[in-house]
Protein backbone atom coordinates (compact mmCIF):
# COMPACT_ATOMS: atom_id res chain seq x y z
CA UNK A 1 0.00 0.00 0.00
CA UNK A 2 2.93 2.33 0.66
CA UNK A 3 4.18 1.91 -2.90
CA UNK A 4 0.69 2.37 -4.30
CA UNK A 5 0.28 5.55 -2.25
CA UNK A 6 3.65 6.85 -3.44
CA UNK A 7 2.82 6.08 -7.09
CA UNK A 8 -0.58 7.71 -6.71
CA UNK A 9 0.95 10.89 -5.30
CA UNK A 10 3.48 10.93 -8.17
CA UNK A 11 0.67 10.54 -10.72
CA UNK A 12 -1.18 13.32 -8.96
CA UNK A 13 1.82 15.62 -9.42
CA UNK A 14 2.35 14.60 -13.06
CA UNK A 15 -1.28 15.24 -14.01
CA UNK A 16 -1.83 18.37 -11.96
CA UNK A 17 -4.46 16.63 -9.85
CA UNK A 18 -5.35 18.52 -6.70
CA UNK A 19 -5.81 21.98 -8.21
CA UNK A 20 -9.56 22.15 -7.70
CA UNK A 21 -11.03 22.20 -4.17
CA UNK A 22 -12.70 18.82 -4.72
CA UNK A 23 -9.46 17.23 -5.89
CA UNK A 24 -7.50 18.80 -3.02
CA UNK A 25 -10.05 17.38 -0.58
CA UNK A 26 -9.62 13.89 -2.07
CA UNK A 27 -5.85 14.15 -1.59
CA UNK A 28 -6.26 15.51 1.94
CA UNK A 29 -8.56 12.61 2.85
CA UNK A 30 -6.11 10.11 1.38
CA UNK A 31 -3.18 11.58 3.28
CA UNK A 32 -5.22 11.72 6.49
CA UNK A 33 -6.11 8.02 6.17
CA UNK A 34 -2.49 7.11 5.39
CA UNK A 35 -1.13 9.14 8.31
CA UNK A 36 -3.70 7.66 10.67
CA UNK A 37 -2.77 4.11 9.69
CA UNK A 38 0.94 4.93 9.99
CA UNK A 39 0.40 6.33 13.47
CA UNK A 40 -1.59 3.28 14.52
CA UNK A 41 1.11 0.95 13.19
CA UNK A 42 3.86 2.79 15.03
CA UNK A 43 1.96 2.76 18.33
CA UNK A 44 0.56 -0.77 18.14
CA UNK A 45 1.26 -2.59 21.38
CA UNK A 46 -1.86 -4.57 22.21
CA UNK A 47 -4.85 -6.43 20.74
CA UNK A 48 -7.01 -3.30 20.69
CA UNK A 49 -4.40 -1.46 18.62
CA UNK A 50 -4.27 -4.32 16.13
CA UNK A 51 -8.05 -4.27 15.84
CA UNK A 52 -7.94 -0.53 15.06
CA UNK A 53 -5.34 -1.21 12.39
CA UNK A 54 -7.50 -3.97 10.97
CA UNK A 55 -10.40 -1.51 10.73
CA UNK A 56 -8.28 1.25 9.19
CA UNK A 57 -6.68 -0.80 6.38
CA UNK A 58 -9.92 -1.14 4.34
CA UNK A 59 -10.58 2.59 4.76
CA UNK A 60 -7.17 3.41 3.30
CA UNK A 61 -7.72 0.97 0.44
CA UNK A 62 -11.06 2.65 -0.32
CA UNK A 63 -9.45 6.08 -0.16
CA UNK A 64 -6.70 4.93 -2.56
CA UNK A 65 -9.30 3.59 -4.99
CA UNK A 66 -11.44 6.72 -4.82
CA UNK A 67 -8.45 8.98 -5.42
CA UNK A 68 -7.26 6.87 -8.34
CA UNK A 69 -10.73 7.06 -9.86
CA UNK A 70 -10.76 10.85 -9.54
CA UNK A 71 -7.26 11.13 -11.02
CA UNK A 72 -8.28 8.97 -13.96
CA UNK A 73 -11.37 11.12 -14.51
CA UNK A 74 -9.16 14.22 -14.67
CA UNK A 75 -6.67 12.41 -16.91
CA UNK A 76 -9.49 11.38 -19.29
CA UNK A 77 -10.38 15.05 -19.66
CA UNK A 78 -6.72 15.98 -20.23
CA UNK A 79 -6.31 13.30 -22.88
CA UNK A 80 -9.39 14.63 -24.67
CA UNK A 81 -8.28 18.27 -24.62
CA UNK A 82 -4.48 18.03 -24.72
CA UNK A 83 -3.66 14.83 -26.60
CA UNK A 84 -6.58 13.99 -28.87
CA UNK A 85 -5.98 17.05 -31.08
CA UNK A 86 -2.49 15.69 -31.82
CA UNK A 87 -4.22 12.98 -33.84
CA UNK A 88 -5.74 15.39 -36.34
CA UNK A 89 -2.66 17.63 -36.48
CA UNK A 90 -0.43 14.57 -36.84
CA UNK A 91 -2.63 13.25 -39.65
CA UNK A 92 -2.27 16.59 -41.39
CA UNK A 93 1.49 16.75 -40.91
CA UNK A 94 1.91 13.17 -42.08
CA UNK A 95 0.59 14.31 -45.47
CA UNK A 96 3.31 16.96 -45.76
CA UNK A 97 6.51 15.43 -47.04
CA UNK A 98 8.92 17.29 -44.74
CA UNK A 99 6.90 16.54 -41.62
CA UNK A 100 5.45 13.08 -42.29
CA UNK A 101 7.59 11.29 -39.66
CA UNK A 102 6.69 13.88 -37.02
CA UNK A 103 3.03 13.63 -37.99
CA UNK A 104 3.07 9.87 -37.55
CA UNK A 105 4.66 10.23 -34.10
CA UNK A 106 1.98 12.77 -33.15
CA UNK A 107 -0.78 10.34 -34.15
CA UNK A 108 0.97 7.63 -32.17
CA UNK A 109 1.25 9.94 -29.14
CA UNK A 110 -2.49 10.60 -29.27
CA UNK A 111 -3.23 6.89 -29.52
CA UNK A 112 -0.89 6.09 -26.62
CA UNK A 113 -2.55 8.76 -24.48
CA UNK A 114 -5.93 7.18 -25.17
CA UNK A 115 -4.53 3.74 -24.31
CA UNK A 116 -3.42 4.94 -20.86
CA UNK A 117 -7.09 5.31 -19.92
CA UNK A 118 -7.46 1.54 -19.73
CA UNK A 119 -4.39 1.01 -17.53
CA UNK A 120 -5.53 -0.52 -14.25
CA UNK A 121 -2.44 -0.81 -12.03
CA UNK A 122 -1.18 2.44 -10.48
CA UNK A 123 2.50 1.65 -11.11
CA UNK A 124 1.81 0.94 -14.79
CA UNK A 125 -0.36 4.06 -15.05
CA UNK A 126 2.46 6.13 -13.55
CA UNK A 127 5.04 4.67 -15.97
CA UNK A 128 2.73 5.19 -18.96
CA UNK A 129 2.08 8.83 -18.06
CA UNK A 130 5.79 9.48 -17.45
CA UNK A 131 6.65 8.06 -20.91
CA UNK A 132 3.83 10.05 -22.48
CA UNK A 133 4.93 13.34 -20.91
CA UNK A 134 8.52 12.72 -22.06
CA UNK A 135 7.44 11.89 -25.62
CA UNK A 136 5.16 14.93 -25.69
CA UNK A 137 8.02 17.21 -24.64
CA UNK A 138 10.22 15.75 -27.39
CA UNK A 139 7.49 16.12 -30.02
CA UNK A 140 6.69 19.68 -28.94
CA UNK A 141 10.37 20.58 -29.17
CA UNK A 142 10.68 19.02 -32.61
CA UNK A 143 7.49 20.67 -33.80
CA UNK A 144 8.70 24.12 -32.81
CA UNK A 145 12.15 23.56 -34.33
CA UNK A 146 10.98 22.70 -37.83
CA UNK A 147 8.64 25.66 -38.31
CA UNK A 148 11.23 28.39 -37.61
CA UNK A 149 8.44 30.98 -37.59
CA UNK A 150 6.49 32.09 -34.55
CA UNK A 151 3.25 32.67 -36.49
CA UNK A 152 3.42 29.19 -38.03
CA UNK A 153 4.12 27.71 -34.61
CA UNK A 154 1.14 29.55 -33.11
CA UNK A 155 -1.04 28.31 -35.97
CA UNK A 156 0.10 24.69 -35.53
CA UNK A 157 -0.27 24.98 -31.77
CA UNK A 158 -3.84 26.22 -32.22
CA UNK A 159 -4.47 23.39 -34.65
CA UNK A 160 -3.14 20.89 -32.12
CA UNK A 161 -5.58 22.26 -29.54
CA UNK A 162 -8.44 22.28 -32.04
CA UNK A 163 -8.83 26.04 -31.68
CA UNK A 164 -7.33 27.45 -34.90
CA UNK A 165 -9.24 30.41 -36.27
CA UNK A 166 -9.16 31.96 -39.70
CA UNK A 167 -7.38 35.00 -38.26
CA UNK A 168 -4.41 32.77 -37.38
CA UNK A 169 -3.81 32.10 -41.09
CA UNK A 170 -1.39 34.99 -41.61
CA UNK A 171 0.66 35.60 -44.77
CA UNK A 172 3.59 33.78 -43.13
CA UNK A 173 1.36 30.77 -42.39
CA UNK A 174 0.00 30.78 -45.95
CA UNK A 175 3.55 30.94 -47.31
CA UNK A 176 4.64 28.04 -45.07
CA UNK A 177 1.64 25.94 -46.12
CA UNK A 178 2.29 26.73 -49.80
CA UNK A 179 5.99 25.82 -49.46
CA UNK A 180 4.95 22.47 -48.03
CA UNK A 181 2.17 21.87 -50.60
CA UNK A 182 -0.39 21.81 -47.80
CA UNK A 183 -2.87 24.49 -48.87
CA UNK A 184 -5.33 21.93 -50.19
CA UNK A 185 -5.33 20.07 -46.86
CA UNK A 186 -7.51 22.73 -45.23
CA UNK A 187 -11.05 23.95 -45.61
CA UNK A 188 -12.95 26.77 -43.97
CA UNK A 189 -16.18 26.08 -42.07
CA UNK A 190 -18.34 28.25 -39.83
CA UNK A 191 -18.14 27.39 -36.13
CA UNK A 192 -21.86 27.44 -35.50
């Protein structure tokens, strides 16, 4: 349980869990239950103490499960907003000759993020998220290095988030798209 608690707290840090009051309360309850059990274990010296420990263990297990469920709910939302758009941007970039390898890795990143949602064990979930965050940092760095233009980077960043607007298609963006034979990969639609 100690390792599971440690992994859960690491996952909490990696995902930003605990920022809302409800999430902070979940973490506070988990830490309270863990500290209470630790205190009971350290002071155990008779049958009554052991019975208290026996009663507290299931409460900590429940608290661990509830916190993991809440973290996964937050992570599901993050995957949807922060990783899913990489699929469409990656698909687009994979059609541009100079960026096809990067585009394929972006699609793969999106797919891997979605796959983490079905990870059951906390230690495996932690390892999967750590790998994902590392790969995302590498892809983000590579994406910004190949554009060499701030306006193009802003446009691609907006595309990755699914929030690109027509106003973000500046002359520099149009030129970059034309240079990469990508003008015909876009269409304009009203938002409502």
